[in-house]
Protein backbone atom coordinates (compact mmCIF):
# COMPACT_ATOMS: atom_id res chain seq x y z
CA MET A 1 -43.38 -88.85 -24.87
CA ASP A 2 -42.24 -89.57 -21.45
CA ALA A 3 -40.92 -86.98 -19.07
CA ARG A 4 -37.29 -87.90 -19.47
CA ALA A 5 -37.52 -87.53 -23.39
CA ILE A 6 -39.35 -84.22 -22.84
CA ILE A 7 -36.47 -82.99 -20.61
CA GLY A 8 -33.75 -84.46 -23.06
CA TRP A 9 -35.44 -82.95 -26.17
CA ASN A 10 -35.72 -79.44 -24.50
CA LEU A 11 -32.07 -79.65 -22.87
CA ARG A 12 -30.77 -80.10 -26.49
CA ARG A 13 -32.77 -77.65 -28.06
CA LEU A 14 -32.02 -74.97 -25.64
CA ARG A 15 -28.38 -75.82 -25.61
CA VAL A 16 -27.99 -75.76 -29.25
CA GLU A 17 -29.92 -72.50 -29.64
CA ARG A 18 -27.18 -71.07 -27.25
CA GLY A 19 -24.41 -72.64 -29.21
CA LEU A 20 -23.10 -74.57 -26.21
CA SER A 21 -21.30 -77.95 -26.46
CA GLN A 22 -22.49 -80.63 -23.94
CA GLU A 23 -19.00 -80.01 -22.25
CA ARG A 24 -19.54 -76.32 -21.84
CA LEU A 25 -23.19 -76.97 -20.34
CA ALA A 26 -21.85 -79.47 -18.07
CA LEU A 27 -18.84 -77.11 -16.82
CA ALA A 28 -21.37 -74.32 -16.19
CA ALA A 29 -23.85 -76.49 -14.38
CA GLY A 30 -21.32 -78.31 -12.26
CA ILE A 31 -22.07 -81.86 -13.85
CA ASP A 32 -20.43 -84.33 -15.71
CA ARG A 33 -20.42 -84.20 -19.65
CA ALA A 34 -21.36 -87.64 -20.15
CA TYR A 35 -24.32 -87.13 -17.82
CA VAL A 36 -25.47 -84.46 -20.14
CA GLY A 37 -25.57 -86.80 -22.98
CA ARG A 38 -27.43 -89.16 -21.15
CA VAL A 39 -29.95 -86.72 -20.23
CA GLU A 40 -30.42 -85.46 -23.90
CA ARG A 41 -30.97 -89.16 -24.84
CA GLY A 42 -33.62 -89.61 -22.23
CA SER A 43 -31.87 -92.56 -20.40
CA GLU A 44 -31.06 -90.68 -17.08
CA ASN A 45 -33.41 -89.82 -14.39
CA VAL A 46 -32.68 -86.20 -13.37
CA THR A 47 -33.06 -84.60 -9.98
CA ILE A 48 -34.77 -81.29 -9.34
CA SER A 49 -31.37 -79.97 -8.27
CA THR A 50 -29.69 -81.00 -11.66
CA LEU A 51 -32.56 -79.56 -13.61
CA GLU A 52 -32.07 -76.37 -11.88
CA ALA A 53 -28.41 -76.11 -12.27
CA MET A 54 -28.96 -76.75 -16.06
CA ALA A 55 -31.57 -74.33 -16.41
CA THR A 56 -29.46 -71.68 -14.70
CA ALA A 57 -26.64 -72.37 -16.94
CA LEU A 58 -28.96 -72.12 -19.94
CA ALA A 59 -30.59 -68.85 -18.38
CA VAL A 60 -34.02 -70.25 -18.67
CA PRO A 61 -36.77 -71.14 -16.05
CA VAL A 62 -36.80 -74.75 -14.97
CA ALA A 63 -40.29 -75.15 -16.62
CA ASP A 64 -38.74 -74.58 -19.87
CA LEU A 65 -37.22 -78.00 -19.72
CA LEU A 66 -40.54 -79.63 -18.96
CA ILE A 67 -42.55 -78.07 -21.98
CA GLU A 68 -43.80 -80.87 -24.52
CA PRO A 69 -42.73 -80.48 -28.20
CA GLU A 70 -45.55 -80.01 -30.65
CA PRO A 71 -46.54 -83.06 -32.34
CA GLY A 72 -44.38 -83.88 -35.28
CA ALA A 73 -41.78 -81.42 -34.21
CA ALA A 74 -38.21 -82.00 -35.82
CA ARG A 75 -35.57 -83.32 -33.64
CA PRO A 76 -33.12 -80.45 -32.72
CA MET A 77 -30.03 -80.43 -34.74
CA PRO A 78 -26.65 -81.02 -33.41
CA LEU A 79 -24.18 -78.19 -33.20
CA ARG A 80 -21.79 -77.89 -36.02
CA SER A 81 -18.45 -80.02 -35.13
CA GLY A 82 -15.31 -78.43 -34.61
CA ARG A 83 -14.00 -75.35 -32.90
CA ARG A 84 -14.88 -71.76 -33.60
CA ALA A 85 -12.24 -69.64 -35.43
CA ARG A 86 -10.80 -66.98 -33.21
CA GLY A 87 -12.99 -63.93 -32.67
CA GLU A 88 -16.03 -65.81 -34.26
CA PRO A 89 -19.17 -65.15 -32.35
CA ALA A 90 -21.01 -67.82 -30.51
CA ARG A 91 -24.44 -68.75 -32.08
């Protein structure tokens, strides 16, 4: 797995674990939502500054975005679509 794919894999995994949409992550990191999607698909070269902004928004060290997934690991599942009901806690 190349570095862009590893970063995309970890970005999606961490984002979904925190219950953040691509749009919410992008707003928190100060980047474009479409850019987050391209990073998750592994089609974008990411700068260190952007990695740092995304890691900060996810409250993880930058190094967590660079950890290679275990061989055979299942692709991170997407978030459930739609809006949360009022008062429903974030996952």
